[in-house]
Amino acid sequence: MKTIKFFDENTQQWWSPVTGGSNIPALNDLLTQFGLAFSDRIYAGTYSLPDVTLDDNTKPRDFPYLSGSSLARYPSHARVLSVTLHDQVAEVTTESIKEVDDIAILALLEGEC
């Protein structure tokens, strides 16, 4: 938990957050009608888009994925971007870096609203 401590300028003390982030259960309730759901794991790292070439024949730069959940469920017809990222939960609890492959972070859906 040392890695998520921060210094609060107002109280002049070091704090460890008890909770943070989004209300994933509420978001999952909202997204269930689209066949989507977020996982309870948190990931971070950088990724690049596979098989993408820009107009000037160069590859795009790496993109940061600073901290966020992955997709646990998505429709079978969705186009999904899966990447390799670091498991932040393992990093905080065991203080070791664990790389995980095939983390779904983006699903593109097509259809009528």
N, C-alpha and C. Protein backbone atom coordinates (compact mmCIF):
# COMPACT_ATOMS: atom_id res chain seq x y z
N MET A 1 0.81 -1.19 0.00
CA MET A 1 0.00 0.00 0.00
C MET A 1 0.86 1.27 0.00
N LYS A 2 2.16 1.10 0.19
CA LYS A 2 3.03 2.27 0.20
C LYS A 2 3.01 3.02 -1.12
N THR A 3 2.78 2.30 -2.22
CA THR A 3 2.86 2.94 -3.53
C THR A 3 1.72 3.90 -3.80
N ILE A 4 0.63 3.84 -3.02
CA ILE A 4 -0.48 4.74 -3.27
C ILE A 4 -0.63 5.80 -2.18
N LYS A 5 0.37 5.93 -1.32
CA LYS A 5 0.34 7.01 -0.32
C LYS A 5 0.59 8.35 -1.01
N PHE A 6 0.02 9.39 -0.46
CA PHE A 6 0.26 10.72 -0.99
C PHE A 6 0.32 11.73 0.15
N PHE A 7 1.01 12.84 -0.10
CA PHE A 7 1.15 13.88 0.91
C PHE A 7 0.06 14.92 0.69
N ASP A 8 -0.76 15.15 1.72
CA ASP A 8 -1.85 16.12 1.66
C ASP A 8 -1.32 17.47 2.11
N GLU A 9 -1.30 18.42 1.20
CA GLU A 9 -0.78 19.76 1.50
C GLU A 9 -1.60 20.47 2.58
N ASN A 10 -2.90 20.21 2.61
CA ASN A 10 -3.77 20.89 3.58
C ASN A 10 -3.50 20.45 5.01
N THR A 11 -3.37 19.14 5.23
CA THR A 11 -3.17 18.63 6.59
C THR A 11 -1.70 18.45 6.94
N GLN A 12 -0.84 18.54 5.90
CA GLN A 12 0.59 18.33 6.08
C GLN A 12 0.88 16.92 6.61
N GLN A 13 0.11 15.94 6.13
CA GLN A 13 0.28 14.55 6.56
C GLN A 13 0.28 13.63 5.34
N TRP A 14 0.89 12.45 5.54
CA TRP A 14 0.84 11.41 4.52
C TRP A 14 -0.46 10.62 4.67
N TRP A 15 -1.14 10.38 3.56
CA TRP A 15 -2.42 9.68 3.57
C TRP A 15 -2.34 8.45 2.68
N SER A 16 -3.06 7.42 3.08
CA SER A 16 -3.28 6.23 2.24
C SER A 16 -4.76 6.18 1.93
N PRO A 17 -5.12 6.29 0.65
CA PRO A 17 -6.54 6.29 0.32
C PRO A 17 -7.22 4.97 0.68
N VAL A 18 -8.43 5.07 1.17
CA VAL A 18 -9.21 3.89 1.53
C VAL A 18 -9.89 3.34 0.28
N THR A 19 -10.32 4.23 -0.58
CA THR A 19 -11.00 3.82 -1.81
C THR A 19 -10.77 4.87 -2.88
N GLY A 20 -11.09 4.55 -4.08
CA GLY A 20 -10.93 5.51 -5.17
C GLY A 20 -11.47 4.91 -6.45
N GLY A 21 -11.47 5.70 -7.49
CA GLY A 21 -11.91 5.20 -8.79
C GLY A 21 -13.38 5.39 -9.04
N SER A 22 -13.90 4.55 -9.89
CA SER A 22 -15.29 4.65 -10.34
C SER A 22 -16.19 3.68 -9.60
N ASN A 23 -17.47 3.90 -9.73
CA ASN A 23 -18.47 2.99 -9.18
C ASN A 23 -18.74 1.92 -10.23
N ILE A 24 -17.88 0.91 -10.27
CA ILE A 24 -17.96 -0.13 -11.30
C ILE A 24 -19.29 -0.88 -11.27
N PRO A 25 -19.82 -1.26 -10.11
CA PRO A 25 -21.13 -1.95 -10.12
C PRO A 25 -22.23 -1.11 -10.78
N ALA A 26 -22.25 0.18 -10.53
CA ALA A 26 -23.27 1.04 -11.14
C ALA A 26 -23.04 1.16 -12.65
N LEU A 27 -21.79 1.29 -13.06
CA LEU A 27 -21.50 1.35 -14.49
C LEU A 27 -21.89 0.04 -15.18
N ASN A 28 -21.61 -1.09 -14.52
CA ASN A 28 -21.98 -2.38 -15.10
C ASN A 28 -23.49 -2.53 -15.23
N ASP A 29 -24.24 -2.00 -14.26
CA ASP A 29 -25.70 -2.02 -14.36
C ASP A 29 -26.16 -1.24 -15.60
N LEU A 30 -25.52 -0.11 -15.84
CA LEU A 30 -25.86 0.73 -16.98
C LEU A 30 -25.48 0.06 -18.30
N LEU A 31 -24.32 -0.60 -18.33
CA LEU A 31 -23.80 -1.17 -19.58
C LEU A 31 -24.34 -2.55 -19.91
N THR A 32 -25.03 -3.20 -18.97
CA THR A 32 -25.50 -4.57 -19.20
C THR A 32 -26.43 -4.66 -20.41
N GLN A 33 -27.20 -3.61 -20.71
CA GLN A 33 -28.10 -3.63 -21.86
C GLN A 33 -27.35 -3.72 -23.19
N PHE A 34 -26.04 -3.38 -23.16
CA PHE A 34 -25.21 -3.46 -24.36
C PHE A 34 -24.33 -4.71 -24.36
N GLY A 35 -24.47 -5.54 -23.34
CA GLY A 35 -23.66 -6.75 -23.25
C GLY A 35 -22.25 -6.50 -22.78
N LEU A 36 -22.03 -5.36 -22.10
CA LEU A 36 -20.70 -4.98 -21.63
C LEU A 36 -20.62 -5.02 -20.12
N ALA A 37 -19.41 -5.27 -19.61
CA ALA A 37 -19.18 -5.20 -18.17
C ALA A 37 -17.69 -5.00 -17.92
N PHE A 38 -17.38 -4.19 -16.92
CA PHE A 38 -15.99 -4.00 -16.50
C PHE A 38 -15.60 -5.07 -15.48
N SER A 39 -14.32 -5.37 -15.43
CA SER A 39 -13.81 -6.35 -14.46
C SER A 39 -13.47 -5.64 -13.15
N ASP A 40 -13.06 -6.43 -12.16
CA ASP A 40 -12.65 -5.87 -10.88
C ASP A 40 -11.13 -5.79 -10.77
N ARG A 41 -10.42 -5.94 -11.87
CA ARG A 41 -8.96 -5.84 -11.88
C ARG A 41 -8.55 -4.48 -12.41
N ILE A 42 -7.40 -3.99 -11.96
CA ILE A 42 -6.90 -2.68 -12.38
C ILE A 42 -5.56 -2.89 -13.09
N TYR A 43 -5.39 -2.24 -14.23
CA TYR A 43 -4.19 -2.42 -15.04
C TYR A 43 -3.58 -1.07 -15.40
N ALA A 44 -2.30 -1.10 -15.78
CA ALA A 44 -1.59 0.08 -16.23
C ALA A 44 -0.48 -0.35 -17.18
N GLY A 45 0.01 0.58 -17.96
CA GLY A 45 1.12 0.29 -18.87
C GLY A 45 1.02 1.13 -20.12
N THR A 46 1.72 0.70 -21.15
CA THR A 46 1.63 1.35 -22.46
C THR A 46 1.36 0.27 -23.50
N TYR A 47 0.75 0.69 -24.59
CA TYR A 47 0.45 -0.24 -25.67
C TYR A 47 0.54 0.49 -26.99
N SER A 48 0.71 -0.26 -28.05
CA SER A 48 0.68 0.31 -29.39
C SER A 48 -0.39 -0.43 -30.18
N LEU A 49 -0.89 0.22 -31.20
CA LEU A 49 -1.93 -0.38 -32.02
C LEU A 49 -1.29 -1.33 -33.02
N PRO A 50 -1.71 -2.58 -33.05
CA PRO A 50 -1.11 -3.54 -33.97
C PRO A 50 -1.56 -3.29 -35.41
N ASP A 51 -0.69 -3.55 -36.33
CA ASP A 51 -1.01 -3.49 -37.75
C ASP A 51 -1.60 -2.14 -38.19
N VAL A 52 -1.12 -1.06 -37.60
CA VAL A 52 -1.58 0.28 -37.99
C VAL A 52 -0.41 1.05 -38.57
N THR A 53 -0.62 1.61 -39.75
CA THR A 53 0.38 2.47 -40.37
C THR A 53 -0.29 3.80 -40.69
N LEU A 54 0.36 4.88 -40.32
CA LEU A 54 -0.19 6.21 -40.58
C LEU A 54 -0.01 6.59 -42.03
N ASP A 55 -0.61 7.70 -42.45
CA ASP A 55 -0.55 8.15 -43.84
C ASP A 55 0.87 8.36 -44.33
N ASP A 56 1.78 8.73 -43.43
CA ASP A 56 3.17 8.97 -43.84
C ASP A 56 4.04 7.72 -43.69
N ASN A 57 3.40 6.54 -43.64
CA ASN A 57 4.05 5.23 -43.54
C ASN A 57 4.86 5.03 -42.26
N THR A 58 4.49 5.73 -41.20
CA THR A 58 5.13 5.53 -39.91
C THR A 58 4.17 4.81 -38.98
N LYS A 59 4.71 4.24 -37.94
CA LYS A 59 3.89 3.58 -36.92
C LYS A 59 3.51 4.61 -35.86
N PRO A 60 2.30 4.52 -35.29
CA PRO A 60 1.94 5.45 -34.22
C PRO A 60 2.76 5.17 -32.96
N ARG A 61 2.88 6.17 -32.14
CA ARG A 61 3.64 6.03 -30.89
C ARG A 61 2.89 5.15 -29.91
N ASP A 62 3.58 4.77 -28.83
CA ASP A 62 2.91 4.01 -27.78
C ASP A 62 1.91 4.90 -27.06
N PHE A 63 0.82 4.30 -26.60
CA PHE A 63 -0.21 5.02 -25.88
C PHE A 63 -0.17 4.63 -24.41
N PRO A 64 -0.27 5.61 -23.50
CA PRO A 64 -0.28 5.26 -22.08
C PRO A 64 -1.66 4.80 -21.63
N TYR A 65 -1.69 3.77 -20.82
CA TYR A 65 -2.90 3.32 -20.13
C TYR A 65 -2.56 3.51 -18.66
N LEU A 66 -2.87 4.67 -18.13
CA LEU A 66 -2.35 5.08 -16.82
C LEU A 66 -2.87 4.23 -15.68
N SER A 67 -4.15 3.99 -15.63
CA SER A 67 -4.73 3.14 -14.59
C SER A 67 -6.20 2.96 -14.92
N GLY A 68 -6.63 1.71 -15.01
CA GLY A 68 -8.03 1.50 -15.32
C GLY A 68 -8.42 0.05 -15.31
N SER A 69 -9.70 -0.17 -15.38
CA SER A 69 -10.27 -1.51 -15.39
C SER A 69 -10.23 -2.07 -16.80
N SER A 70 -10.42 -3.36 -16.89
CA SER A 70 -10.52 -4.01 -18.20
C SER A 70 -11.97 -4.40 -18.45
N LEU A 71 -12.24 -4.87 -19.65
CA LEU A 71 -13.57 -5.35 -19.97
C LEU A 71 -13.67 -6.83 -19.61
N ALA A 72 -14.64 -7.18 -18.80
CA ALA A 72 -14.85 -8.58 -18.42
C ALA A 72 -15.81 -9.27 -19.38
N ARG A 73 -16.71 -8.48 -19.98
CA ARG A 73 -17.71 -9.05 -20.88
C ARG A 73 -17.99 -8.07 -22.00
N TYR A 74 -18.17 -8.62 -23.20
CA TYR A 74 -18.53 -7.81 -24.37
C TYR A 74 -19.18 -8.73 -25.39
N PRO A 75 -20.00 -8.19 -26.29
CA PRO A 75 -20.68 -9.02 -27.28
C PRO A 75 -19.69 -9.72 -28.21
N SER A 76 -20.06 -10.88 -28.69
CA SER A 76 -19.17 -11.64 -29.57
C SER A 76 -18.90 -10.92 -30.89
N HIS A 77 -19.82 -10.05 -31.32
CA HIS A 77 -19.62 -9.34 -32.58
C HIS A 77 -18.82 -8.04 -32.42
N ALA A 78 -18.41 -7.70 -31.21
CA ALA A 78 -17.66 -6.46 -30.97
C ALA A 78 -16.24 -6.60 -31.49
N ARG A 79 -15.70 -5.50 -31.96
CA ARG A 79 -14.27 -5.44 -32.30
C ARG A 79 -13.55 -5.03 -31.03
N VAL A 80 -12.64 -5.85 -30.55
CA VAL A 80 -12.03 -5.66 -29.23
C VAL A 80 -10.53 -5.44 -29.37
N LEU A 81 -10.04 -4.43 -28.65
CA LEU A 81 -8.60 -4.19 -28.55
C LEU A 81 -8.12 -4.82 -27.25
N SER A 82 -7.27 -5.85 -27.38
CA SER A 82 -6.67 -6.51 -26.22
C SER A 82 -5.17 -6.28 -26.25
N VAL A 83 -4.60 -5.92 -25.10
CA VAL A 83 -3.19 -5.56 -25.02
C VAL A 83 -2.54 -6.23 -23.80
N THR A 84 -1.23 -6.10 -23.70
CA THR A 84 -0.47 -6.57 -22.55
C THR A 84 -0.24 -5.40 -21.61
N LEU A 85 -0.64 -5.56 -20.34
CA LEU A 85 -0.50 -4.50 -19.35
C LEU A 85 0.02 -5.07 -18.03
N HIS A 86 0.33 -4.18 -17.08
CA HIS A 86 0.74 -4.58 -15.74
C HIS A 86 -0.47 -4.66 -14.83
N ASP A 87 -0.53 -5.68 -14.01
CA ASP A 87 -1.60 -5.86 -13.02
C ASP A 87 -1.28 -4.97 -11.82
N GLN A 88 -2.00 -3.86 -11.66
CA GLN A 88 -1.73 -2.92 -10.56
C GLN A 88 -2.09 -3.49 -9.20
N VAL A 89 -3.08 -4.35 -9.13
CA VAL A 89 -3.45 -4.95 -7.84
C VAL A 89 -2.29 -5.80 -7.34
N ALA A 90 -1.72 -6.63 -8.22
CA ALA A 90 -0.57 -7.45 -7.82
C ALA A 90 0.62 -6.57 -7.46
N GLU A 91 0.79 -5.47 -8.19
CA GLU A 91 1.91 -4.57 -7.93
C GLU A 91 1.82 -3.95 -6.54
N VAL A 92 0.61 -3.56 -6.14
CA VAL A 92 0.41 -2.93 -4.84
C VAL A 92 0.48 -3.95 -3.71
N THR A 93 -0.12 -5.12 -3.91
CA THR A 93 -0.19 -6.10 -2.83
C THR A 93 1.08 -6.91 -2.66
N THR A 94 1.78 -7.22 -3.75
CA THR A 94 2.99 -8.04 -3.64
C THR A 94 4.26 -7.26 -3.93
N GLU A 95 4.11 -6.00 -4.33
CA GLU A 95 5.23 -5.14 -4.68
C GLU A 95 6.11 -5.74 -5.78
N SER A 96 5.47 -6.48 -6.70
CA SER A 96 6.18 -7.02 -7.85
C SER A 96 5.35 -6.74 -9.10
N ILE A 97 6.03 -6.60 -10.22
CA ILE A 97 5.35 -6.29 -11.47
C ILE A 97 4.95 -7.59 -12.16
N LYS A 98 3.66 -7.70 -12.49
CA LYS A 98 3.13 -8.87 -13.16
C LYS A 98 2.50 -8.43 -14.48
N GLU A 99 3.08 -8.87 -15.60
CA GLU A 99 2.53 -8.56 -16.91
C GLU A 99 1.45 -9.57 -17.26
N VAL A 100 0.35 -9.07 -17.80
CA VAL A 100 -0.76 -9.94 -18.18
C VAL A 100 -1.09 -9.68 -19.65
N ASP A 101 -1.21 -10.75 -20.42
CA ASP A 101 -1.53 -10.66 -21.85
C ASP A 101 -3.04 -10.66 -22.07
N ASP A 102 -3.43 -10.19 -23.24
CA ASP A 102 -4.83 -10.23 -23.71
C ASP A 102 -5.82 -9.56 -22.76
N ILE A 103 -5.50 -8.34 -22.33
CA ILE A 103 -6.40 -7.54 -21.50
C ILE A 103 -7.28 -6.71 -22.43
N ALA A 104 -8.58 -6.96 -22.41
CA ALA A 104 -9.52 -6.22 -23.26
C ALA A 104 -9.77 -4.84 -22.64
N ILE A 105 -9.42 -3.78 -23.40
CA ILE A 105 -9.59 -2.42 -22.87
C ILE A 105 -10.54 -1.56 -23.71
N LEU A 106 -10.90 -2.04 -24.89
CA LEU A 106 -11.77 -1.25 -25.77
C LEU A 106 -12.61 -2.20 -26.61
N ALA A 107 -13.91 -1.94 -26.67
CA ALA A 107 -14.81 -2.72 -27.52
C ALA A 107 -15.60 -1.75 -28.39
N LEU A 108 -15.56 -1.96 -29.67
CA LEU A 108 -16.32 -1.14 -30.60
C LEU A 108 -17.54 -1.93 -31.05
N LEU A 109 -18.70 -1.31 -30.88
CA LEU A 109 -19.96 -1.93 -31.24
C LEU A 109 -20.59 -1.18 -32.38
N GLU A 110 -21.26 -1.91 -33.25
CA GLU A 110 -21.94 -1.29 -34.37
C GLU A 110 -23.38 -1.76 -34.36
N GLY A 111 -24.30 -0.85 -34.58
CA GLY A 111 -25.70 -1.24 -34.61
C GLY A 111 -26.61 -0.06 -34.36
N GLU A 112 -27.88 -0.34 -34.27
CA GLU A 112 -28.87 0.71 -34.03
C GLU A 112 -28.95 1.01 -32.55
N CYS A 113 -29.21 2.27 -32.25
CA CYS A 113 -29.36 2.69 -30.85
C CYS A 113 -30.79 2.57 -30.41
